[in-house]
Structures are given as C-alpha cells and as structure tokens.
Amino acid sequence: MTIKEALKQGGKALQNGKEARILLSHHLGIDSLQLILKENEVLKNPDDYFGLIRRAQADEPIEYITQSASFYARDFFIQKGALIPRPETEILVDKVVQLAQTLHKPTIAEIGVGSGIISCLIALLVDDVSITATDISQEAILVAKINAKRFGVEDKITFIHTPYLIDIQEKFDIIVSNPPYIADDAKVENNLSYEPDIALFGGQVGDEVLKNIIDIAAYHDNCYLCCEMGYDQKEPLSKYFKTKGLGEADFYKDLAGFDRGFTLTIGENNRK
C-alpha cells in the first residue's frame, strides 16, 4: 500500500481528508509537503496508521492522538489530563497582554493553568512579567511545565499544585482564568468525554467556579480580573458583580458573536 492509497482509505474512513492527512503526517513524522512528495512510496507500518484512524473514529480528539495542539500560531504539547485549547481563548490572551503591557513589571496569577497555553503566551509576549500558575491537577501542571520549557519561559512562571490561590499570600496585578463553566448535567459532544471533567464542568449551574474566582479577585482589592465564560452567563455574572459592589465588567464576544468573557477592574488600579 502506498502513502497515497493509505491517505485515501483513511480519509474515507473518517469522512475527513484533512484529519487523515494530519494523522498520516504524525505517523510518519513528516510535514504535509513531504507527504505529497512521498505519496507514491510504500507506507511503513500501515497497521499503526490505521490504529490512529480507529481512535479518531471513536471520537478521540486528534490533538490527544498527535499530542499536539495549535494555538496562537504555535504548536503546544497536549495529552489527556489537560484541556485542549480552543481558538476563542486567544482573545482572552490578547486582553491580558494588552493590560499587562500598561503595567511596570506586572505580576499575574493564572487560576487553572491547564496545558499552560495562557501563561506561556503571556510570558512570551510581555517583558518583565512574573506569573504564578495554579491547578488542582498534577497531570495538567506536568503538561504546562513541558510547554513552558518548550518555549523557554520556565523562569517566568511558578507552578503550584493548589486549588484557586489557596495558601498563596501574594497580591497580583492581574488574575486570569479560563475556568470550567459548563453545568454538571449539560449534554456535551462525545469527544469531550476524553477531556478532564474538572476542566469542563463548573457546578450545578455552571458558573460556581467563576463566582469563586470573582470572590478571590475581590479580596485582592486592586487588580484586573480577566476570565472566559459560557455564552449564556453574562446576565447572571453582571448581577453577581453588582451584589459584590464590583461595578461594571467589560464583556467581550468571540468570533462567532457569542458572549465569551470579561475583564473587570477591581479597586483603583493605577499601578503604571
């Protein structure tokens, strides 16, 4: 069987030629251009390639199969135990970077570091930044540390295995989080079953973790809070801000036009 024939069979099995090509490139350890140039060569170890195809047919995310996720035009390491990055989170990164660049030697806390994409990119894009990144999952922290080393920013990020910011006394200029915000009983797509529940489901209503993070930020008194959220959570969170006396948040939408996150100034933040 040639590479071209295997690709045709894989694409037919998945009904997705692009994913079949990604999996074949991963199997052979070559890029898509080399795949074209070698398409008439005999495929080595075809059983291994079609094993990858079967995993994808079972709805296993292609990012976990290849252990690679594209985010912000960079390739991050990913494996089970850490949430797969979504394109809309790039907007959250942009918001934090814009704020951080207005501050002198900003200190930032990320609650729920996951694969480390947010902290790593902030460390890459902001000079003289110091980041404390927490997670309750040791598996996620391991992935995040691998990515920090991959991009050479491990000296800017301190990883701590803890819920929220428990036992951390430092005050921060910015707190950022892409927390779990799906309701516990929500029906989700099959491929999400491969991702960690603790990174997806935020409680009975879905916004409980977000509200806990808001409470933590309020304690800091003088900081920015930047969070991703569910598309239907703008109204309840707006009410929660008011009950806490925190004022108005600046909500933003994702590229599909859905409400997707907010930035909130807590206290008089004039640390320039």
C-alpha atoms as a PDB file:
ATOM      1  CA  MET A   1       0.000   0.000   0.000  1.00  0.00           C
ATOM      2  CA  THR A   2       1.343   3.397  -0.971  1.00  0.00           C
ATOM      3  CA  ILE A   3       1.106   6.540   1.137  1.00  0.00           C
ATOM      4  CA  LYS A   4      -1.402   7.940  -1.375  1.00  0.00           C
ATOM      5  CA  GLU A   5      -3.610   4.840  -1.103  1.00  0.00           C
ATOM      6  CA  ALA A   6      -3.461   4.872   2.694  1.00  0.00           C
ATOM      7  CA  LEU A   7      -4.432   8.515   2.770  1.00  0.00           C
ATOM      8  CA  LYS A   8      -7.407   7.832   0.528  1.00  0.00           C
ATOM      9  CA  GLN A   9      -8.589   4.966   2.751  1.00  0.00           C
ATOM     10  CA  GLY A  10      -8.050   6.978   5.917  1.00  0.00           C
ATOM     11  CA  GLY A  11      -9.956   9.962   4.564  1.00  0.00           C
ATOM     12  CA  LYS A  12     -12.841   7.731   3.533  1.00  0.00           C
ATOM     13  CA  ALA A  13     -12.961   6.053   6.958  1.00  0.00           C
ATOM     14  CA  LEU A  14     -13.057   9.384   8.778  1.00  0.00           C
ATOM     15  CA  GLN A  15     -15.009  11.248   6.118  1.00  0.00           C
ATOM     16  CA  ASN A  16     -12.406  13.905   6.738  1.00  0.00           C
ATOM     17  CA  GLY A  17      -9.395  14.075   4.443  1.00  0.00           C
ATOM     18  CA  LYS A  18      -7.705  16.800   6.478  1.00  0.00           C
ATOM     19  CA  GLU A  19      -7.667  14.758   9.698  1.00  0.00           C
ATOM     20  CA  ALA A  20      -6.488  11.677   7.824  1.00  0.00           C
ATOM     21  CA  ARG A  21      -3.610  13.729   6.420  1.00  0.00           C
ATOM     22  CA  ILE A  22      -2.693  15.096   9.869  1.00  0.00           C
ATOM     23  CA  LEU A  23      -2.669  11.588  11.327  1.00  0.00           C
ATOM     24  CA  LEU A  24      -0.568  10.225   8.471  1.00  0.00           C
ATOM     25  CA  SER A  25       1.919  13.082   8.811  1.00  0.00           C
ATOM     26  CA  HIS A  26       2.104  12.345  12.540  1.00  0.00           C
ATOM     27  CA  HIS A  27       2.540   8.623  11.915  1.00  0.00           C
ATOM     28  CA  LEU A  28       5.414   9.209   9.502  1.00  0.00           C
ATOM     29  CA  GLY A  29       6.940  12.163  11.332  1.00  0.00           C
ATOM     30  CA  ILE A  30       6.898  14.368   8.247  1.00  0.00           C
ATOM     31  CA  ASP A  31       5.077  17.537   7.217  1.00  0.00           C
ATOM     32  CA  SER A  32       2.263  17.813   4.674  1.00  0.00           C
ATOM     33  CA  LEU A  33       4.596  18.880   1.840  1.00  0.00           C
ATOM     34  CA  GLN A  34       6.800  15.837   2.344  1.00  0.00           C
ATOM     35  CA  LEU A  35       3.672  13.728   2.415  1.00  0.00           C
ATOM     36  CA  ILE A  36       2.830  14.881  -1.107  1.00  0.00           C
ATOM     37  CA  LEU A  37       6.377  14.311  -2.333  1.00  0.00           C
ATOM     38  CA  LYS A  38       6.428  10.777  -0.918  1.00  0.00           C
ATOM     39  CA  GLU A  39       2.857   9.795  -1.841  1.00  0.00           C
ATOM     40  CA  ASN A  40       3.966   7.007  -4.221  1.00  0.00           C
ATOM     41  CA  GLU A  41       6.248   5.381  -1.657  1.00  0.00           C
ATOM     42  CA  VAL A  42       5.194   2.253   0.219  1.00  0.00           C
ATOM     43  CA  LEU A  43       3.693   3.037   3.626  1.00  0.00           C
ATOM     44  CA  LYS A  44       5.624   1.539   6.505  1.00  0.00           C
ATOM     45  CA  ASN A  45       3.678   0.026   9.402  1.00  0.00           C
ATOM     46  CA  PRO A  46       0.196   0.634   7.937  1.00  0.00           C
ATOM     47  CA  ASP A  47      -1.453  -1.123  10.893  1.00  0.00           C
ATOM     48  CA  ASP A  48      -0.155   1.609  13.198  1.00  0.00           C
ATOM     49  CA  TYR A  49      -1.582   4.322  10.960  1.00  0.00           C
ATOM     50  CA  PHE A  50      -4.993   2.695  10.763  1.00  0.00           C
ATOM     51  CA  GLY A  51      -4.873   2.261  14.528  1.00  0.00           C
ATOM     52  CA  LEU A  52      -4.755   6.063  14.745  1.00  0.00           C
ATOM     53  CA  ILE A  53      -7.671   6.232  12.326  1.00  0.00           C
ATOM     54  CA  ARG A  54      -9.719   3.923  14.561  1.00  0.00           C
ATOM     55  CA  ARG A  55      -9.010   6.120  17.572  1.00  0.00           C
ATOM     56  CA  ALA A  56     -10.269   9.138  15.661  1.00  0.00           C
ATOM     57  CA  GLN A  57     -13.352   7.162  14.563  1.00  0.00           C
ATOM     58  CA  ALA A  58     -14.076   6.620  18.263  1.00  0.00           C
ATOM     59  CA  ASP A  59     -14.198  10.431  18.669  1.00  0.00           C
ATOM     60  CA  GLU A  60     -10.863  10.706  20.432  1.00  0.00           C
ATOM     61  CA  PRO A  61      -9.686  14.270  19.760  1.00  0.00           C
ATOM     62  CA  ILE A  62      -6.970  14.425  17.141  1.00  0.00           C
ATOM     63  CA  GLU A  63      -4.951  16.678  19.464  1.00  0.00           C
ATOM     64  CA  TYR A  64      -4.649  13.865  22.020  1.00  0.00           C
ATOM     65  CA  ILE A  65      -3.756  11.347  19.322  1.00  0.00           C
ATOM     66  CA  THR A  66      -0.963  13.519  17.928  1.00  0.00           C
ATOM     67  CA  GLN A  67      -0.101  15.133  21.296  1.00  0.00           C
ATOM     68  CA  SER A  68      -0.088  18.491  19.541  1.00  0.00           C
ATOM     69  CA  ALA A  69      -2.442  21.484  19.663  1.00  0.00           C
ATOM     70  CA  SER A  70      -2.189  24.632  17.585  1.00  0.00           C
ATOM     71  CA  PHE A  71      -2.801  27.859  19.472  1.00  0.00           C
ATOM     72  CA  TYR A  72      -1.770  31.406  18.650  1.00  0.00           C
ATOM     73  CA  ALA A  73       0.108  30.076  15.593  1.00  0.00           C
ATOM     74  CA  ARG A  74       2.270  27.880  17.834  1.00  0.00           C
ATOM     75  CA  ASP A  75       2.325  24.126  18.432  1.00  0.00           C
ATOM     76  CA  PHE A  76       1.795  23.153  22.061  1.00  0.00           C
ATOM     77  CA  PHE A  77       2.245  19.756  23.664  1.00  0.00           C
ATOM     78  CA  ILE A  78      -1.014  18.244  24.858  1.00  0.00           C
ATOM     79  CA  GLN A  79      -2.120  14.952  26.362  1.00  0.00           C
ATOM     80  CA  LYS A  80      -5.054  13.548  28.304  1.00  0.00           C
ATOM     81  CA  GLY A  81      -5.401  15.246  31.660  1.00  0.00           C
ATOM     82  CA  ALA A  82      -5.218  18.768  30.241  1.00  0.00           C
ATOM     83  CA  LEU A  83      -7.947  20.658  28.400  1.00  0.00           C
ATOM     84  CA  ILE A  84      -7.424  21.064  24.661  1.00  0.00           C
ATOM     85  CA  PRO A  85      -7.030  24.783  23.842  1.00  0.00           C
ATOM     86  CA  ARG A  86      -9.814  26.452  21.859  1.00  0.00           C
ATOM     87  CA  PRO A  87      -9.338  29.295  19.372  1.00  0.00           C
ATOM     88  CA  GLU A  88     -11.611  31.661  21.338  1.00  0.00           C
ATOM     89  CA  THR A  89      -9.171  31.613  24.255  1.00  0.00           C
ATOM     90  CA  GLU A  90      -6.741  33.566  22.078  1.00  0.00           C
ATOM     91  CA  ILE A  91      -8.983  36.588  22.726  1.00  0.00           C
ATOM     92  CA  LEU A  92      -8.504  36.157  26.477  1.00  0.00           C
ATOM     93  CA  VAL A  93      -4.738  36.084  25.967  1.00  0.00           C
ATOM     94  CA  ASP A  94      -4.953  39.299  23.942  1.00  0.00           C
ATOM     95  CA  LYS A  95      -6.925  41.027  26.713  1.00  0.00           C
ATOM     96  CA  VAL A  96      -4.403  40.077  29.391  1.00  0.00           C
ATOM     97  CA  VAL A  97      -1.396  41.023  27.272  1.00  0.00           C
ATOM     98  CA  GLN A  98      -2.896  44.450  26.499  1.00  0.00           C
ATOM     99  CA  LEU A  99      -3.427  45.131  30.205  1.00  0.00           C
ATOM    100  CA  ALA A 100      -0.066  43.730  31.283  1.00  0.00           C
ATOM    101  CA  GLN A 101       1.807  45.928  28.827  1.00  0.00           C
ATOM    102  CA  THR A 102       0.450  49.015  30.616  1.00  0.00           C
ATOM    103  CA  LEU A 103       1.995  47.915  33.931  1.00  0.00           C
ATOM    104  CA  HIS A 104       5.526  48.026  35.265  1.00  0.00           C
ATOM    105  CA  LYS A 105       6.838  44.525  35.967  1.00  0.00           C
ATOM    106  CA  PRO A 106       3.331  43.045  36.214  1.00  0.00           C
ATOM    107  CA  THR A 107       2.555  40.151  38.488  1.00  0.00           C
ATOM    108  CA  ILE A 108      -0.054  37.754  37.156  1.00  0.00           C
ATOM    109  CA  ALA A 109      -1.860  34.747  38.590  1.00  0.00           C
ATOM    110  CA  GLU A 110      -3.494  32.157  36.375  1.00  0.00           C
ATOM    111  CA  ILE A 111      -6.060  30.006  38.142  1.00  0.00           C
ATOM    112  CA  GLY A 112      -6.359  26.630  36.432  1.00  0.00           C
ATOM    113  CA  VAL A 113      -3.273  26.643  34.226  1.00  0.00           C
ATOM    114  CA  GLY A 114      -4.256  23.504  32.300  1.00  0.00           C
ATOM    115  CA  SER A 115      -1.898  22.935  29.384  1.00  0.00           C
ATOM    116  CA  GLY A 116      -0.142  26.225  30.126  1.00  0.00           C
ATOM    117  CA  ILE A 117      -1.071  27.988  26.888  1.00  0.00           C
ATOM    118  CA  ILE A 118      -2.211  31.215  28.552  1.00  0.00           C
ATOM    119  CA  SER A 119       0.707  31.589  30.941  1.00  0.00           C
ATOM    120  CA  CYS A 120       3.273  30.592  28.314  1.00  0.00           C
ATOM    121  CA  LEU A 121       1.998  33.103  25.776  1.00  0.00           C
ATOM    122  CA  ILE A 122       1.819  35.915  28.318  1.00  0.00           C
ATOM    123  CA  ALA A 123       5.393  35.104  29.312  1.00  0.00           C
ATOM    124  CA  LEU A 124       6.430  35.214  25.654  1.00  0.00           C
ATOM    125  CA  LEU A 125       4.620  38.462  24.832  1.00  0.00           C
ATOM    126  CA  VAL A 126       5.152  40.554  27.985  1.00  0.00           C
ATOM    127  CA  ASP A 127       8.554  41.744  29.201  1.00  0.00           C
ATOM    128  CA  ASP A 128       9.494  41.574  32.901  1.00  0.00           C
ATOM    129  CA  VAL A 129       6.386  39.608  33.834  1.00  0.00           C
ATOM    130  CA  SER A 130       6.139  37.260  36.788  1.00  0.00           C
ATOM    131  CA  ILE A 131       3.435  34.575  36.657  1.00  0.00           C
ATOM    132  CA  THR A 132       2.083  32.262  39.334  1.00  0.00           C
ATOM    133  CA  ALA A 133       0.112  29.425  37.746  1.00  0.00           C
ATOM    134  CA  THR A 134      -2.025  27.063  39.809  1.00  0.00           C
ATOM    135  CA  ASP A 135      -4.031  23.922  39.132  1.00  0.00           C
ATOM    136  CA  ILE A 136      -5.625  21.157  41.160  1.00  0.00           C
ATOM    137  CA  SER A 137      -4.422  18.603  38.603  1.00  0.00           C
ATOM    138  CA  GLN A 138      -0.868  17.343  38.749  1.00  0.00           C
ATOM    139  CA  GLU A 139      -1.337  15.944  35.238  1.00  0.00           C
ATOM    140  CA  ALA A 140      -2.168  19.392  33.903  1.00  0.00           C
ATOM    141  CA  ILE A 141       0.793  21.000  35.659  1.00  0.00           C
ATOM    142  CA  LEU A 142       3.103  18.403  34.090  1.00  0.00           C
ATOM    143  CA  VAL A 143       1.825  19.339  30.622  1.00  0.00           C
ATOM    144  CA  ALA A 144       2.145  23.055  31.399  1.00  0.00           C
ATOM    145  CA  LYS A 145       5.740  22.619  32.568  1.00  0.00           C
ATOM    146  CA  ILE A 146       6.618  20.796  29.350  1.00  0.00           C
ATOM    147  CA  ASN A 147       5.212  23.691  27.325  1.00  0.00           C
ATOM    148  CA  ALA A 148       6.988  26.290  29.448  1.00  0.00           C
ATOM    149  CA  LYS A 149      10.273  24.517  28.789  1.00  0.00           C
ATOM    150  CA  ARG A 150       9.445  24.127  25.076  1.00  0.00           C
ATOM    151  CA  PHE A 151       9.042  27.889  24.707  1.00  0.00           C
ATOM    152  CA  GLY A 152      11.848  28.858  27.072  1.00  0.00           C
ATOM    153  CA  VAL A 153       9.696  30.702  29.621  1.00  0.00           C
ATOM    154  CA  GLU A 154      10.031  28.413  32.641  1.00  0.00           C
ATOM    155  CA  ASP A 155      11.972  31.114  34.509  1.00  0.00           C
ATOM    156  CA  LYS A 156       8.953  33.454  34.308  1.00  0.00           C
ATOM    157  CA  ILE A 157       6.332  31.010  35.621  1.00  0.00           C
ATOM    158  CA  THR A 158       5.979  29.428  39.055  1.00  0.00           C
ATOM    159  CA  PHE A 159       3.693  26.388  39.014  1.00  0.00           C
ATOM    160  CA  ILE A 160       1.835  25.498  42.208  1.00  0.00           C
ATOM    161  CA  HIS A 161      -0.393  22.492  42.801  1.00  0.00           C
ATOM    162  CA  THR A 162      -3.323  24.006  44.675  1.00  0.00           C
ATOM    163  CA  PRO A 163      -6.995  24.903  44.179  1.00  0.00           C
ATOM    164  CA  TYR A 164      -7.595  28.534  43.190  1.00  0.00           C
ATOM    165  CA  LEU A 165      -4.934  30.586  45.059  1.00  0.00           C
ATOM    166  CA  ILE A 166      -5.155  28.745  48.356  1.00  0.00           C
ATOM    167  CA  ASP A 167      -2.130  29.277  50.630  1.00  0.00           C
ATOM    168  CA  ILE A 168      -0.715  31.906  48.260  1.00  0.00           C
ATOM    169  CA  GLN A 169      -0.334  35.202  50.101  1.00  0.00           C
ATOM    170  CA  GLU A 170       0.959  37.346  47.243  1.00  0.00           C
ATOM    171  CA  LYS A 171      -1.270  40.016  45.718  1.00  0.00           C
ATOM    172  CA  PHE A 172      -1.378  40.246  41.929  1.00  0.00           C
ATOM    173  CA  ASP A 173      -1.868  42.944  39.310  1.00  0.00           C
ATOM    174  CA  ILE A 174      -3.883  40.623  37.081  1.00  0.00           C
ATOM    175  CA  ILE A 175      -5.781  37.417  37.751  1.00  0.00           C
ATOM    176  CA  VAL A 176      -6.693  35.389  34.686  1.00  0.00           C
ATOM    177  CA  SER A 177      -8.642  32.175  34.287  1.00  0.00           C
ATOM    178  CA  ASN A 178     -10.342  30.014  31.707  1.00  0.00           C
ATOM    179  CA  PRO A 179     -12.257  28.006  34.301  1.00  0.00           C
ATOM    180  CA  PRO A 180     -14.777  25.199  33.926  1.00  0.00           C
ATOM    181  CA  TYR A 181     -18.123  26.829  33.162  1.00  0.00           C
ATOM    182  CA  ILE A 182     -20.391  24.061  31.802  1.00  0.00           C
ATOM    183  CA  ALA A 183     -23.285  22.910  34.025  1.00  0.00           C
ATOM    184  CA  ASP A 184     -22.718  19.468  35.527  1.00  0.00           C
ATOM    185  CA  ASP A 185     -25.782  17.938  33.857  1.00  0.00           C
ATOM    186  CA  ALA A 186     -25.260  19.521  30.429  1.00  0.00           C
ATOM    187  CA  LYS A 187     -25.203  17.204  27.426  1.00  0.00           C
ATOM    188  CA  VAL A 188     -21.890  17.509  25.609  1.00  0.00           C
ATOM    189  CA  GLU A 189     -20.363  16.120  22.435  1.00  0.00           C
ATOM    190  CA  ASN A 190     -18.796  12.648  22.540  1.00  0.00           C
ATOM    191  CA  ASN A 191     -15.250  13.906  22.035  1.00  0.00           C
ATOM    192  CA  LEU A 192     -15.468  15.950  25.247  1.00  0.00           C
ATOM    193  CA  SER A 193     -15.637  12.680  27.199  1.00  0.00           C
ATOM    194  CA  TYR A 194     -11.881  12.363  26.629  1.00  0.00           C
ATOM    195  CA  GLU A 195     -11.159  15.685  28.310  1.00  0.00           C
ATOM    196  CA  PRO A 196     -10.914  16.124  32.105  1.00  0.00           C
ATOM    197  CA  ASP A 197     -14.252  16.772  33.791  1.00  0.00           C
ATOM    198  CA  ILE A 198     -12.649  19.144  36.305  1.00  0.00           C
ATOM    199  CA  ALA A 199     -11.657  21.420  33.419  1.00  0.00           C
ATOM    200  CA  LEU A 200     -15.124  21.421  31.856  1.00  0.00           C
ATOM    201  CA  PHE A 201     -17.858  21.288  34.466  1.00  0.00           C
ATOM    202  CA  GLY A 202     -18.238  24.219  36.821  1.00  0.00           C
ATOM    203  CA  GLY A 203     -21.044  23.105  39.122  1.00  0.00           C
ATOM    204  CA  GLN A 204     -24.780  22.577  39.171  1.00  0.00           C
ATOM    205  CA  VAL A 205     -25.458  25.883  37.408  1.00  0.00           C
ATOM    206  CA  GLY A 206     -22.074  26.086  35.696  1.00  0.00           C
ATOM    207  CA  ASP A 207     -20.853  29.440  36.982  1.00  0.00           C
ATOM    208  CA  GLU A 208     -19.954  28.426  40.523  1.00  0.00           C
ATOM    209  CA  VAL A 209     -16.203  28.253  39.897  1.00  0.00           C
ATOM    210  CA  LEU A 210     -16.319  31.608  38.111  1.00  0.00           C
ATOM    211  CA  LYS A 211     -18.045  33.186  41.107  1.00  0.00           C
ATOM    212  CA  ASN A 212     -15.430  31.744  43.451  1.00  0.00           C
ATOM    213  CA  ILE A 213     -12.719  33.315  41.297  1.00  0.00           C
ATOM    214  CA  ILE A 214     -14.538  36.656  41.378  1.00  0.00           C
ATOM    215  CA  ASP A 215     -14.605  36.452  45.183  1.00  0.00           C
ATOM    216  CA  ILE A 216     -10.858  35.769  45.246  1.00  0.00           C
ATOM    217  CA  ALA A 217     -10.144  38.713  42.952  1.00  0.00           C
ATOM    218  CA  ALA A 218     -12.310  40.987  45.098  1.00  0.00           C
ATOM    219  CA  TYR A 219     -10.072  40.129  48.061  1.00  0.00           C
ATOM    220  CA  HIS A 220      -7.075  41.457  46.110  1.00  0.00           C
ATOM    221  CA  ASP A 221      -8.820  44.846  46.008  1.00  0.00           C
ATOM    222  CA  ASN A 222      -6.567  46.438  43.395  1.00  0.00           C
ATOM    223  CA  CYS A 223      -6.254  44.279  40.296  1.00  0.00           C
ATOM    224  CA  TYR A 224      -7.660  43.310  36.940  1.00  0.00           C
ATOM    225  CA  LEU A 225      -9.681  40.130  36.558  1.00  0.00           C
ATOM    226  CA  CYS A 226      -9.889  38.508  33.106  1.00  0.00           C
ATOM    227  CA  CYS A 227     -11.964  35.385  32.574  1.00  0.00           C
ATOM    228  CA  GLU A 228     -13.515  33.289  29.869  1.00  0.00           C
ATOM    229  CA  MET A 229     -17.132  32.251  30.464  1.00  0.00           C
ATOM    230  CA  GLY A 230     -20.110  30.487  28.947  1.00  0.00           C
ATOM    231  CA  TYR A 231     -22.121  32.186  26.206  1.00  0.00           C
ATOM    232  CA  ASP A 232     -25.192  32.419  28.481  1.00  0.00           C
ATOM    233  CA  GLN A 233     -23.512  33.706  31.651  1.00  0.00           C
ATOM    234  CA  LYS A 234     -23.281  37.451  31.019  1.00  0.00           C
ATOM    235  CA  GLU A 235     -26.524  38.325  32.812  1.00  0.00           C
ATOM    236  CA  PRO A 236     -26.022  36.232  35.977  1.00  0.00           C
ATOM    237  CA  LEU A 237     -22.411  37.371  36.306  1.00  0.00           C
ATOM    238  CA  SER A 238     -23.404  41.016  35.831  1.00  0.00           C
ATOM    239  CA  LYS A 239     -25.832  40.619  38.722  1.00  0.00           C
ATOM    240  CA  TYR A 240     -23.147  38.956  40.819  1.00  0.00           C
ATOM    241  CA  PHE A 241     -20.722  41.829  40.225  1.00  0.00           C
ATOM    242  CA  LYS A 242     -23.383  44.236  41.488  1.00  0.00           C
ATOM    243  CA  THR A 243     -24.102  42.194  44.619  1.00  0.00           C
ATOM    244  CA  LYS A 244     -20.386  42.299  45.394  1.00  0.00           C
ATOM    245  CA  GLY A 245     -20.158  46.025  44.715  1.00  0.00           C
ATOM    246  CA  LEU A 246     -17.621  45.489  41.959  1.00  0.00           C
ATOM    247  CA  GLY A 247     -19.125  47.707  39.284  1.00  0.00           C
ATOM    248  CA  GLU A 248     -19.443  47.013  35.578  1.00  0.00           C
ATOM    249  CA  ALA A 249     -17.351  44.475  33.708  1.00  0.00           C
ATOM    250  CA  ASP A 250     -16.222  44.861  30.119  1.00  0.00           C
ATOM    251  CA  PHE A 251     -17.719  41.820  28.374  1.00  0.00           C
ATOM    252  CA  TYR A 252     -16.392  40.648  25.028  1.00  0.00           C
ATOM    253  CA  LYS A 253     -17.624  38.317  22.304  1.00  0.00           C
ATOM    254  CA  ASP A 254     -15.888  35.516  20.419  1.00  0.00           C
ATOM    255  CA  LEU A 255     -15.529  35.424  16.647  1.00  0.00           C
ATOM    256  CA  ALA A 256     -18.895  33.656  16.333  1.00  0.00           C
ATOM    257  CA  GLY A 257     -20.596  36.583  18.091  1.00  0.00           C
ATOM    258  CA  PHE A 258     -21.271  34.808  21.382  1.00  0.00           C
ATOM    259  CA  ASP A 259     -20.539  36.370  24.774  1.00  0.00           C
ATOM    260  CA  ARG A 260     -17.316  34.663  25.768  1.00  0.00           C
ATOM    261  CA  GLY A 261     -15.550  36.525  28.565  1.00  0.00           C
ATOM    262  CA  PHE A 262     -14.960  39.691  30.546  1.00  0.00           C
ATOM    263  CA  THR A 263     -12.369  41.966  32.064  1.00  0.00           C
ATOM    264  CA  LEU A 264     -13.074  43.696  35.352  1.00  0.00           C
ATOM    265  CA  THR A 265     -11.152  46.425  37.138  1.00  0.00           C
ATOM    266  CA  ILE A 266     -11.272  45.887  40.885  1.00  0.00           C
ATOM    267  CA  GLY A 267     -10.397  48.911  43.003  1.00  0.00           C
ATOM    268  CA  GLU A 268      -8.445  51.870  41.701  1.00  0.00           C
ATOM    269  CA  ASN A 269      -5.833  50.192  39.575  1.00  0.00           C
ATOM    270  CA  ASN A 270      -3.287  52.918  38.880  1.00  0.00           C
ATOM    271  CA  ARG A 271      -0.091  50.895  39.000  1.00  0.00           C
ATOM    272  CA  LYS A 272       1.535  52.141  35.841  1.00  0.00           C
END
